Amino acid sequence: MSQHCDASGADSGDVISVPHRLLRRRVRDIASGVEGELMAVVREDVSDDPVRERWVVLAYVRGPSGREISTAVANIGAV
């Protein structure tokens, strides 16, 4: 399954950090309506088949409760 990037942003397996202009800024996920801080944008292999990779770009948003949600990066907009 997926591994996380280390503090330097280097990938440690099948997750790669992606730069984004809204990192550490207040954003809204249009799919769920959650507002919070954009914590990370990553390119992640979500395939459950080791032979066939399926890469997606995900955004991680920390909401007011402190819990992070993931969503498609296309769903993120500045507040």
PDB file of N, CA and C in Angstrom:
ATOM      1  N   MET A   1       0.837  -1.183   0.000  1.00  0.00           N
ATOM      2  CA  MET A   1       0.000   0.000   0.000  1.00  0.00           C
ATOM      3  C   MET A   1       0.879   1.243   0.000  1.00  0.00           C
ATOM      4  N   SER A   2       0.303   2.380   0.118  1.00  0.00           N
ATOM      5  CA  SER A   2       1.013   3.648   0.010  1.00  0.00           C
ATOM      6  C   SER A   2       1.906   3.918   1.204  1.00  0.00           C
ATOM      7  N   GLN A   3       3.013   4.567   0.922  1.00  0.00           N
ATOM      8  CA  GLN A   3       3.907   5.033   1.960  1.00  0.00           C
ATOM      9  C   GLN A   3       3.921   6.544   1.895  1.00  0.00           C
ATOM     10  N   HIS A   4       4.329   7.176   2.981  1.00  0.00           N
ATOM     11  CA  HIS A   4       4.307   8.635   3.029  1.00  0.00           C
ATOM     12  C   HIS A   4       5.675   9.215   2.729  1.00  0.00           C
ATOM     13  N   CYS A   5       5.674  10.461   2.300  1.00  0.00           N
ATOM     14  CA  CYS A   5       6.907  11.195   2.056  1.00  0.00           C
ATOM     15  C   CYS A   5       7.541  11.557   3.388  1.00  0.00           C
ATOM     16  N   ASP A   6       8.870  11.633   3.398  1.00  0.00           N
ATOM     17  CA  ASP A   6       9.530  12.084   4.615  1.00  0.00           C
ATOM     18  C   ASP A   6       9.497  13.605   4.690  1.00  0.00           C
ATOM     19  N   ALA A   7      10.070  14.156   5.749  1.00  0.00           N
ATOM     20  CA  ALA A   7       9.992  15.601   5.989  1.00  0.00           C
ATOM     21  C   ALA A   7      10.631  16.417   4.868  1.00  0.00           C
ATOM     22  N   SER A   8      11.572  15.836   4.151  1.00  0.00           N
ATOM     23  CA  SER A   8      12.228  16.569   3.066  1.00  0.00           C
ATOM     24  C   SER A   8      11.389  16.589   1.795  1.00  0.00           C
ATOM     25  N   GLY A   9      10.312  15.805   1.773  1.00  0.00           N
ATOM     26  CA  GLY A   9       9.481  15.732   0.588  1.00  0.00           C
ATOM     27  C   GLY A   9       9.903  14.623  -0.365  1.00  0.00           C
ATOM     28  N   ALA A  10      10.974  13.895  -0.011  1.00  0.00           N
ATOM     29  CA  ALA A  10      11.417  12.802  -0.869  1.00  0.00           C
ATOM     30  C   ALA A  10      10.449  11.641  -0.757  1.00  0.00           C
ATOM     31  N   ASP A  11      10.212  10.990  -1.884  1.00  0.00           N
ATOM     32  CA  ASP A  11       9.264   9.888  -1.821  1.00  0.00           C
ATOM     33  C   ASP A  11       9.936   8.662  -1.226  1.00  0.00           C
ATOM     34  N   SER A  12       9.159   7.844  -0.554  1.00  0.00           N
ATOM     35  CA  SER A  12       9.688   6.654   0.088  1.00  0.00           C
ATOM     36  C   SER A  12       8.966   5.427  -0.434  1.00  0.00           C
ATOM     37  N   GLY A  13       8.642   5.411  -1.698  1.00  0.00           N
ATOM     38  CA  GLY A  13       7.943   4.277  -2.265  1.00  0.00           C
ATOM     39  C   GLY A  13       7.040   4.718  -3.382  1.00  0.00           C
ATOM     40  N   ASP A  14       5.746   4.601  -3.166  1.00  0.00           N
ATOM     41  CA  ASP A  14       4.801   4.882  -4.236  1.00  0.00           C
ATOM     42  C   ASP A  14       4.003   6.160  -4.021  1.00  0.00           C
ATOM     43  N   VAL A  15       4.582   7.127  -3.318  1.00  0.00           N
ATOM     44  CA  VAL A  15       3.980   8.450  -3.131  1.00  0.00           C
ATOM     45  C   VAL A  15       5.043   9.499  -3.438  1.00  0.00           C
ATOM     46  N   ILE A  16       4.685  10.485  -4.246  1.00  0.00           N
ATOM     47  CA  ILE A  16       5.637  11.530  -4.633  1.00  0.00           C
ATOM     48  C   ILE A  16       5.019  12.893  -4.344  1.00  0.00           C
ATOM     49  N   SER A  17       5.743  13.739  -3.601  1.00  0.00           N
ATOM     50  CA  SER A  17       5.264  15.097  -3.321  1.00  0.00           C
ATOM     51  C   SER A  17       5.206  15.914  -4.602  1.00  0.00           C
ATOM     52  N   VAL A  18       4.177  16.761  -4.692  1.00  0.00           N
ATOM     53  CA  VAL A  18       3.982  17.620  -5.855  1.00  0.00           C
ATOM     54  C   VAL A  18       3.882  19.063  -5.360  1.00  0.00           C
ATOM     55  N   PRO A  19       4.645  19.999  -5.935  1.00  0.00           N
ATOM     56  CA  PRO A  19       4.510  21.397  -5.522  1.00  0.00           C
ATOM     57  C   PRO A  19       3.133  21.941  -5.910  1.00  0.00           C
ATOM     58  N   HIS A  20       2.609  22.848  -5.105  1.00  0.00           N
ATOM     59  CA  HIS A  20       1.304  23.450  -5.400  1.00  0.00           C
ATOM     60  C   HIS A  20       1.280  24.857  -4.829  1.00  0.00           C
ATOM     61  N   ARG A  21       0.707  25.802  -5.566  1.00  0.00           N
ATOM     62  CA  ARG A  21       0.709  27.217  -5.159  1.00  0.00           C
ATOM     63  C   ARG A  21      -0.115  27.484  -3.905  1.00  0.00           C
ATOM     64  N   LEU A  22      -1.029  26.594  -3.546  1.00  0.00           N
ATOM     65  CA  LEU A  22      -1.883  26.823  -2.377  1.00  0.00           C
ATOM     66  C   LEU A  22      -1.431  26.067  -1.121  1.00  0.00           C
ATOM     67  N   LEU A  23      -0.271  25.427  -1.156  1.00  0.00           N
ATOM     68  CA  LEU A  23       0.213  24.719   0.033  1.00  0.00           C
ATOM     69  C   LEU A  23       0.292  25.663   1.227  1.00  0.00           C
ATOM     70  N   ARG A  24      -0.175  25.166   2.375  1.00  0.00           N
ATOM     71  CA  ARG A  24      -0.190  25.910   3.648  1.00  0.00           C
ATOM     72  C   ARG A  24      -1.134  27.108   3.622  1.00  0.00           C
ATOM     73  N   ARG A  25      -2.049  27.131   2.671  1.00  0.00           N
ATOM     74  CA  ARG A  25      -3.048  28.210   2.587  1.00  0.00           C
ATOM     75  C   ARG A  25      -4.435  27.638   2.833  1.00  0.00           C
ATOM     76  N   ARG A  26      -5.362  28.534   3.106  1.00  0.00           N
ATOM     77  CA  ARG A  26      -6.746  28.129   3.364  1.00  0.00           C
ATOM     78  C   ARG A  26      -7.432  27.805   2.036  1.00  0.00           C
ATOM     79  N   VAL A  27      -8.058  26.621   1.989  1.00  0.00           N
ATOM     80  CA  VAL A  27      -8.713  26.151   0.770  1.00  0.00           C
ATOM     81  C   VAL A  27     -10.071  25.541   1.105  1.00  0.00           C
ATOM     82  N   ARG A  28     -10.846  25.288   0.061  1.00  0.00           N
ATOM     83  CA  ARG A  28     -12.128  24.584   0.199  1.00  0.00           C
ATOM     84  C   ARG A  28     -12.126  23.414  -0.778  1.00  0.00           C
ATOM     85  N   ASP A  29     -12.585  22.268  -0.283  1.00  0.00           N
ATOM     86  CA  ASP A  29     -12.811  21.104  -1.136  1.00  0.00           C
ATOM     87  C   ASP A  29     -14.225  21.223  -1.677  1.00  0.00           C
ATOM     88  N   ILE A  30     -14.379  21.444  -2.980  1.00  0.00           N
ATOM     89  CA  ILE A  30     -15.713  21.659  -3.539  1.00  0.00           C
ATOM     90  C   ILE A  30     -16.574  20.403  -3.481  1.00  0.00           C
ATOM     91  N   ALA A  31     -15.966  19.228  -3.397  1.00  0.00           N
ATOM     92  CA  ALA A  31     -16.736  17.982  -3.349  1.00  0.00           C
ATOM     93  C   ALA A  31     -17.441  17.797  -2.008  1.00  0.00           C
ATOM     94  N   SER A  32     -16.747  18.120  -0.911  1.00  0.00           N
ATOM     95  CA  SER A  32     -17.316  17.894   0.427  1.00  0.00           C
ATOM     96  C   SER A  32     -17.732  19.176   1.134  1.00  0.00           C
ATOM     97  N   GLY A  33     -17.214  20.320   0.659  1.00  0.00           N
ATOM     98  CA  GLY A  33     -17.483  21.587   1.324  1.00  0.00           C
ATOM     99  C   GLY A  33     -16.561  21.875   2.487  1.00  0.00           C
ATOM    100  N   VAL A  34     -15.632  20.970   2.779  1.00  0.00           N
ATOM    101  CA  VAL A  34     -14.698  21.157   3.895  1.00  0.00           C
ATOM    102  C   VAL A  34     -13.734  22.294   3.576  1.00  0.00           C
ATOM    103  N   GLU A  35     -13.551  23.193   4.545  1.00  0.00           N
ATOM    104  CA  GLU A  35     -12.551  24.251   4.444  1.00  0.00           C
ATOM    105  C   GLU A  35     -11.444  23.956   5.434  1.00  0.00           C
ATOM    106  N   GLY A  36     -10.218  24.257   5.036  1.00  0.00           N
ATOM    107  CA  GLY A  36      -9.089  24.040   5.924  1.00  0.00           C
ATOM    108  C   GLY A  36      -7.797  24.404   5.231  1.00  0.00           C
ATOM    109  N   GLU A  37      -6.691  23.935   5.790  1.00  0.00           N
ATOM    110  CA  GLU A  37      -5.360  24.240   5.267  1.00  0.00           C
ATOM    111  C   GLU A  37      -4.888  23.108   4.362  1.00  0.00           C
ATOM    112  N   LEU A  38      -4.386  23.465   3.181  1.00  0.00           N
ATOM    113  CA  LEU A  38      -3.831  22.467   2.274  1.00  0.00           C
ATOM    114  C   LEU A  38      -2.476  22.028   2.820  1.00  0.00           C
ATOM    115  N   MET A  39      -2.403  20.787   3.258  1.00  0.00           N
ATOM    116  CA  MET A  39      -1.204  20.278   3.917  1.00  0.00           C
ATOM    117  C   MET A  39      -0.219  19.636   2.945  1.00  0.00           C
ATOM    118  N   ALA A  40      -0.730  18.970   1.913  1.00  0.00           N
ATOM    119  CA  ALA A  40       0.150  18.270   0.976  1.00  0.00           C
ATOM    120  C   ALA A  40      -0.593  17.990  -0.319  1.00  0.00           C
ATOM    121  N   VAL A  41       0.182  17.906  -1.380  1.00  0.00           N
ATOM    122  CA  VAL A  41      -0.315  17.417  -2.663  1.00  0.00           C
ATOM    123  C   VAL A  41       0.662  16.328  -3.083  1.00  0.00           C
ATOM    124  N   VAL A  42       0.131  15.156  -3.390  1.00  0.00           N
ATOM    125  CA  VAL A  42       0.981  14.016  -3.713  1.00  0.00           C
ATOM    126  C   VAL A  42       0.476  13.308  -4.959  1.00  0.00           C
ATOM    127  N   ARG A  43       1.400  12.685  -5.639  1.00  0.00           N
ATOM    128  CA  ARG A  43       1.082  11.781  -6.743  1.00  0.00           C
ATOM    129  C   ARG A  43       1.215  10.387  -6.155  1.00  0.00           C
ATOM    130  N   GLU A  44       0.126   9.635  -6.174  1.00  0.00           N
ATOM    131  CA  GLU A  44       0.081   8.373  -5.447  1.00  0.00           C
ATOM    132  C   GLU A  44      -0.425   7.242  -6.342  1.00  0.00           C
ATOM    133  N   ASP A  45       0.232   6.093  -6.213  1.00  0.00           N
ATOM    134  CA  ASP A  45      -0.214   4.887  -6.912  1.00  0.00           C
ATOM    135  C   ASP A  45      -1.320   4.255  -6.074  1.00  0.00           C
ATOM    136  N   VAL A  46      -2.549   4.282  -6.580  1.00  0.00           N
ATOM    137  CA  VAL A  46      -3.696   3.754  -5.833  1.00  0.00           C
ATOM    138  C   VAL A  46      -4.111   2.363  -6.307  1.00  0.00           C
ATOM    139  N   SER A  47      -3.313   1.765  -7.166  1.00  0.00           N
ATOM    140  CA  SER A  47      -3.629   0.440  -7.684  1.00  0.00           C
ATOM    141  C   SER A  47      -3.424  -0.624  -6.611  1.00  0.00           C
ATOM    142  N   ASP A  48      -4.254  -1.647  -6.645  1.00  0.00           N
ATOM    143  CA  ASP A  48      -4.044  -2.784  -5.747  1.00  0.00           C
ATOM    144  C   ASP A  48      -3.364  -3.933  -6.495  1.00  0.00           C
ATOM    145  N   ASP A  49      -2.942  -3.665  -7.726  1.00  0.00           N
ATOM    146  CA  ASP A  49      -2.253  -4.647  -8.558  1.00  0.00           C
ATOM    147  C   ASP A  49      -0.814  -4.182  -8.756  1.00  0.00           C
ATOM    148  N   PRO A  50       0.176  -4.933  -8.252  1.00  0.00           N
ATOM    149  CA  PRO A  50       1.573  -4.486  -8.364  1.00  0.00           C
ATOM    150  C   PRO A  50       2.088  -4.420  -9.801  1.00  0.00           C
ATOM    151  N   VAL A  51       1.415  -5.086 -10.720  1.00  0.00           N
ATOM    152  CA  VAL A  51       1.849  -5.092 -12.114  1.00  0.00           C
ATOM    153  C   VAL A  51       1.327  -3.878 -12.873  1.00  0.00           C
ATOM    154  N   ARG A  52       0.141  -3.419 -12.521  1.00  0.00           N
ATOM    155  CA  ARG A  52      -0.489  -2.310 -13.249  1.00  0.00           C
ATOM    156  C   ARG A  52      -0.662  -1.111 -12.317  1.00  0.00           C
ATOM    157  N   GLU A  53       0.142  -0.075 -12.516  1.00  0.00           N
ATOM    158  CA  GLU A  53       0.068   1.114 -11.668  1.00  0.00           C
ATOM    159  C   GLU A  53      -1.087   2.011 -12.096  1.00  0.00           C
ATOM    160  N   ARG A  54      -1.659   2.711 -11.119  1.00  0.00           N
ATOM    161  CA  ARG A  54      -2.706   3.708 -11.396  1.00  0.00           C
ATOM    162  C   ARG A  54      -2.395   4.930 -10.535  1.00  0.00           C
ATOM    163  N   TRP A  55      -1.869   5.969 -11.158  1.00  0.00           N
ATOM    164  CA  TRP A  55      -1.418   7.157 -10.449  1.00  0.00           C
ATOM    165  C   TRP A  55      -2.499   8.232 -10.458  1.00  0.00           C
ATOM    166  N   VAL A  56      -2.704   8.862  -9.297  1.00  0.00           N
ATOM    167  CA  VAL A  56      -3.623   9.991  -9.167  1.00  0.00           C
ATOM    168  C   VAL A  56      -2.919  11.087  -8.378  1.00  0.00           C
ATOM    169  N   VAL A  57      -3.374  12.321  -8.557  1.00  0.00           N
ATOM    170  CA  VAL A  57      -2.843  13.439  -7.774  1.00  0.00           C
ATOM    171  C   VAL A  57      -3.887  13.788  -6.726  1.00  0.00           C
ATOM    172  N   LEU A  58      -3.502  13.668  -5.454  1.00  0.00           N
ATOM    173  CA  LEU A  58      -4.407  13.899  -4.335  1.00  0.00           C
ATOM    174  C   LEU A  58      -3.962  15.097  -3.513  1.00  0.00           C
ATOM    175  N   ALA A  59      -4.934  15.801  -2.978  1.00  0.00           N
ATOM    176  CA  ALA A  59      -4.679  16.911  -2.059  1.00  0.00           C
ATOM    177  C   ALA A  59      -5.132  16.479  -0.672  1.00  0.00           C
ATOM    178  N   TYR A  60      -4.365  16.835   0.338  1.00  0.00           N
ATOM    179  CA  TYR A  60      -4.720  16.556   1.728  1.00  0.00           C
ATOM    180  C   TYR A  60      -5.026  17.873   2.420  1.00  0.00           C
ATOM    181  N   VAL A  61      -6.252  17.993   2.920  1.00  0.00           N
ATOM    182  CA  VAL A  61      -6.739  19.217   3.554  1.00  0.00           C
ATOM    183  C   VAL A  61      -7.018  18.924   5.019  1.00  0.00           C
ATOM    184  N   ARG A  62      -6.441  19.739   5.914  1.00  0.00           N
ATOM    185  CA  ARG A  62      -6.706  19.613   7.350  1.00  0.00           C
ATOM    186  C   ARG A  62      -7.842  20.552   7.709  1.00  0.00           C
ATOM    187  N   GLY A  63      -8.962  19.961   8.097  1.00  0.00           N
ATOM    188  CA  GLY A  63     -10.147  20.731   8.460  1.00  0.00           C
ATOM    189  C   GLY A  63     -10.064  21.302   9.857  1.00  0.00           C
ATOM    190  N   PRO A  64     -11.099  22.018  10.291  1.00  0.00           N
ATOM    191  CA  PRO A  64     -11.100  22.666  11.604  1.00  0.00           C
ATOM    192  C   PRO A  64     -11.012  21.681  12.771  1.00  0.00           C
ATOM    193  N   SER A  65     -11.422  20.442  12.564  1.00  0.00           N
ATOM    194  CA  SER A  65     -11.355  19.436  13.626  1.00  0.00           C
ATOM    195  C   SER A  65      -9.942  18.898  13.806  1.00  0.00           C
ATOM    196  N   GLY A  66      -9.051  19.193  12.850  1.00  0.00           N
ATOM    197  CA  GLY A  66      -7.693  18.668  12.886  1.00  0.00           C
ATOM    198  C   GLY A  66      -7.536  17.403  12.058  1.00  0.00           C
ATOM    199  N   ARG A  67      -8.644  16.868  11.604  1.00  0.00           N
ATOM    200  CA  ARG A  67      -8.620  15.655  10.793  1.00  0.00           C
ATOM    201  C   ARG A  67      -8.364  16.027   9.335  1.00  0.00           C
ATOM    202  N   GLU A  68      -7.502  15.253   8.665  1.00  0.00           N
ATOM    203  CA  GLU A  68      -7.204  15.511   7.260  1.00  0.00           C
ATOM    204  C   GLU A  68      -8.080  14.651   6.361  1.00  0.00           C
ATOM    205  N   ILE A  69      -8.511  15.252   5.264  1.00  0.00           N
ATOM    206  CA  ILE A  69      -9.242  14.515   4.239  1.00  0.00           C
ATOM    207  C   ILE A  69      -8.413  14.533   2.966  1.00  0.00           C
ATOM    208  N   SER A  70      -8.625  13.548   2.125  1.00  0.00           N
ATOM    209  CA  SER A  70      -7.976  13.557   0.816  1.00  0.00           C
ATOM    210  C   SER A  70      -9.045  13.766  -0.241  1.00  0.00           C
ATOM    211  N   THR A  71      -8.662  14.455  -1.301  1.00  0.00           N
ATOM    212  CA  THR A  71      -9.574  14.730  -2.407  1.00  0.00           C
ATOM    213  C   THR A  71      -8.751  14.924  -3.669  1.00  0.00           C
ATOM    214  N   ALA A  72      -9.401  14.867  -4.800  1.00  0.00           N
ATOM    215  CA  ALA A  72      -8.709  15.155  -6.059  1.00  0.00           C
ATOM    216  C   ALA A  72      -8.218  16.598  -6.032  1.00  0.00           C
ATOM    217  N   VAL A  73      -7.018  16.820  -6.502  1.00  0.00           N
ATOM    218  CA  VAL A  73      -6.449  18.166  -6.470  1.00  0.00           C
ATOM    219  C   VAL A  73      -7.302  19.142  -7.283  1.00  0.00           C
ATOM    220  N   ALA A  74      -8.015  18.658  -8.272  1.00  0.00           N
ATOM    221  CA  ALA A  74      -8.890  19.521  -9.077  1.00  0.00           C
ATOM    222  C   ALA A  74     -10.069  20.061  -8.268  1.00  0.00           C
ATOM    223  N   ASN A  75     -10.372  19.450  -7.125  1.00  0.00           N
ATOM    224  CA  ASN A  75     -11.485  19.894  -6.273  1.00  0.00           C
ATOM    225  C   ASN A  75     -11.109  21.021  -5.319  1.00  0.00           C
ATOM    226  N   ILE A  76      -9.849  21.431  -5.311  1.00  0.00           N
ATOM    227  CA  ILE A  76      -9.365  22.413  -4.341  1.00  0.00           C
ATOM    228  C   ILE A  76      -9.444  23.821  -4.919  1.00  0.00           C
ATOM    229  N   GLY A  77      -9.981  24.739  -4.112  1.00  0.00           N
ATOM    230  CA  GLY A  77     -10.028  26.142  -4.499  1.00  0.00           C
ATOM    231  C   GLY A  77      -9.652  27.024  -3.328  1.00  0.00           C
ATOM    232  N   ALA A  78      -9.054  28.164  -3.612  1.00  0.00           N
ATOM    233  CA  ALA A  78      -8.674  29.111  -2.560  1.00  0.00           C
ATOM    234  C   ALA A  78      -9.923  29.688  -1.913  1.00  0.00           C
ATOM    235  N   VAL A  79      -9.830  29.977  -0.617  1.00  0.00           N
ATOM    236  CA  VAL A  79     -10.939  30.599   0.126  1.00  0.00           C
ATOM    237  C   VAL A  79     -10.656  32.079   0.241  1.00  0.00           C
TER     238      VAL A  79
END
